[in-house]
Amino acid sequence: MSALFDIMHRNFPFKSDDIEVKSDVRLTSPKIGFNNMELYELLMCIEARFSVSFEPQEIRSKGFDTLNKICDLVCKKLS
């Protein structure tokens, strides 16, 4: 999970410096405010950092809207 927070702080400082990003809060919530393009950029950063690739159906079925869900997706890919 700490690697995901690191990605957030390095690549999206405007989203994470002034607020505490909690692992169960939707990234698209008004408090955090990610839009679809930023979620896609986050996906690209995660794929590059962990050397994994996600199929669209994996993201649709498992969800990609909280750090908990993203962490679960990454962990499953790495196992």
C-alpha atoms as a PDB file:
ATOM      1  CA  MET A   1       0.000   0.000   0.000  1.00  0.00           C
ATOM      2  CA  SER A   2       2.864   2.394   0.742  1.00  0.00           C
ATOM      3  CA  ALA A   3       4.044   2.137  -2.884  1.00  0.00           C
ATOM      4  CA  LEU A   4       0.592   3.305  -4.026  1.00  0.00           C
ATOM      5  CA  PHE A   5       0.718   6.282  -1.684  1.00  0.00           C
ATOM      6  CA  ASP A   6       4.185   7.051  -3.047  1.00  0.00           C
ATOM      7  CA  ILE A   7       2.841   7.007  -6.613  1.00  0.00           C
ATOM      8  CA  MET A   8       0.029   9.343  -5.565  1.00  0.00           C
ATOM      9  CA  HIS A   9       2.377  11.833  -3.912  1.00  0.00           C
ATOM     10  CA  ARG A  10       4.968  11.781  -6.690  1.00  0.00           C
ATOM     11  CA  ASN A  11       2.640  11.938  -9.687  1.00  0.00           C
ATOM     12  CA  PHE A  12      -0.395  13.752  -8.313  1.00  0.00           C
ATOM     13  CA  PRO A  13       0.894  16.129  -5.631  1.00  0.00           C
ATOM     14  CA  PHE A  14      -1.938  18.559  -6.290  1.00  0.00           C
ATOM     15  CA  LYS A  15      -4.355  15.805  -5.298  1.00  0.00           C
ATOM     16  CA  SER A  16      -2.543  14.484  -2.250  1.00  0.00           C
ATOM     17  CA  ASP A  17      -0.493  17.227  -0.579  1.00  0.00           C
ATOM     18  CA  ASP A  18      -3.310  19.154   1.033  1.00  0.00           C
ATOM     19  CA  ILE A  19      -5.483  16.202   2.012  1.00  0.00           C
ATOM     20  CA  GLU A  20      -5.118  12.846   3.660  1.00  0.00           C
ATOM     21  CA  VAL A  21      -5.883  10.194   1.068  1.00  0.00           C
ATOM     22  CA  LYS A  22      -7.446   7.295   2.927  1.00  0.00           C
ATOM     23  CA  SER A  23      -7.376   3.831   1.427  1.00  0.00           C
ATOM     24  CA  ASP A  24     -11.155   3.374   1.420  1.00  0.00           C
ATOM     25  CA  VAL A  25     -12.191   6.792   0.052  1.00  0.00           C
ATOM     26  CA  ARG A  26     -13.211   6.928  -3.602  1.00  0.00           C
ATOM     27  CA  LEU A  27     -10.589   8.721  -5.636  1.00  0.00           C
ATOM     28  CA  THR A  28     -13.369  10.420  -7.590  1.00  0.00           C
ATOM     29  CA  SER A  29     -14.979  11.818  -4.433  1.00  0.00           C
ATOM     30  CA  PRO A  30     -15.201  15.611  -4.187  1.00  0.00           C
ATOM     31  CA  LYS A  31     -12.572  15.539  -1.431  1.00  0.00           C
ATOM     32  CA  ILE A  32      -9.910  13.967  -3.693  1.00  0.00           C
ATOM     33  CA  GLY A  33     -11.375  14.885  -7.061  1.00  0.00           C
ATOM     34  CA  PHE A  34      -9.776  12.581  -9.612  1.00  0.00           C
ATOM     35  CA  ASN A  35     -11.386  12.704 -13.040  1.00  0.00           C
ATOM     36  CA  ASN A  36     -11.382   9.840 -15.554  1.00  0.00           C
ATOM     37  CA  MET A  37      -8.209  11.016 -17.283  1.00  0.00           C
ATOM     38  CA  GLU A  38      -6.337  11.225 -13.998  1.00  0.00           C
ATOM     39  CA  LEU A  39      -7.495   7.720 -13.065  1.00  0.00           C
ATOM     40  CA  TYR A  40      -6.136   6.523 -16.402  1.00  0.00           C
ATOM     41  CA  GLU A  41      -2.811   8.278 -15.707  1.00  0.00           C
ATOM     42  CA  LEU A  42      -2.728   6.633 -12.278  1.00  0.00           C
ATOM     43  CA  LEU A  43      -3.331   3.263 -13.915  1.00  0.00           C
ATOM     44  CA  MET A  44      -0.403   3.860 -16.286  1.00  0.00           C
ATOM     45  CA  CYS A  45       1.869   4.826 -13.378  1.00  0.00           C
ATOM     46  CA  ILE A  46       0.897   1.694 -11.451  1.00  0.00           C
ATOM     47  CA  GLU A  47       1.425  -0.566 -14.454  1.00  0.00           C
ATOM     48  CA  ALA A  48       4.877   0.938 -15.031  1.00  0.00           C
ATOM     49  CA  ARG A  49       5.911   0.819 -11.364  1.00  0.00           C
ATOM     50  CA  PHE A  50       4.883  -2.807 -10.813  1.00  0.00           C
ATOM     51  CA  SER A  51       5.537  -4.102 -14.358  1.00  0.00           C
ATOM     52  CA  VAL A  52       1.974  -5.367 -14.676  1.00  0.00           C
ATOM     53  CA  SER A  53      -0.790  -4.840 -17.175  1.00  0.00           C
ATOM     54  CA  PHE A  54      -4.528  -4.771 -16.573  1.00  0.00           C
ATOM     55  CA  GLU A  55      -7.262  -5.738 -18.979  1.00  0.00           C
ATOM     56  CA  PRO A  56     -10.292  -3.424 -19.071  1.00  0.00           C
ATOM     57  CA  GLN A  57     -12.578  -6.192 -17.795  1.00  0.00           C
ATOM     58  CA  GLU A  58     -10.358  -6.682 -14.715  1.00  0.00           C
ATOM     59  CA  ILE A  59     -10.732  -3.049 -13.808  1.00  0.00           C
ATOM     60  CA  ARG A  60     -14.470  -2.996 -14.484  1.00  0.00           C
ATOM     61  CA  SER A  61     -15.173  -6.134 -12.463  1.00  0.00           C
ATOM     62  CA  LYS A  62     -12.846  -5.486  -9.512  1.00  0.00           C
ATOM     63  CA  GLY A  63     -13.031  -1.714  -9.365  1.00  0.00           C
ATOM     64  CA  PHE A  64     -10.357   0.943  -9.552  1.00  0.00           C
ATOM     65  CA  ASP A  65     -11.841   3.682  -7.432  1.00  0.00           C
ATOM     66  CA  THR A  66     -10.178   3.305  -4.019  1.00  0.00           C
ATOM     67  CA  LEU A  67      -6.609   2.561  -3.016  1.00  0.00           C
ATOM     68  CA  ASN A  68      -7.828  -0.619  -1.286  1.00  0.00           C
ATOM     69  CA  LYS A  69      -9.305  -1.937  -4.540  1.00  0.00           C
ATOM     70  CA  ILE A  70      -6.234  -0.909  -6.521  1.00  0.00           C
ATOM     71  CA  CYS A  71      -3.985  -2.619  -3.986  1.00  0.00           C
ATOM     72  CA  ASP A  72      -6.045  -5.808  -4.283  1.00  0.00           C
ATOM     73  CA  LEU A  73      -5.737  -5.726  -8.087  1.00  0.00           C
ATOM     74  CA  VAL A  74      -1.970  -5.233  -7.942  1.00  0.00           C
ATOM     75  CA  CYS A  75      -1.493  -7.940  -5.312  1.00  0.00           C
ATOM     76  CA  LYS A  76      -3.450 -10.440  -7.394  1.00  0.00           C
ATOM     77  CA  LYS A  77      -1.337  -9.606 -10.445  1.00  0.00           C
ATOM     78  CA  LEU A  78       1.893 -10.043  -8.509  1.00  0.00           C
ATOM     79  CA  SER A  79       0.929 -13.351  -6.889  1.00  0.00           C
END
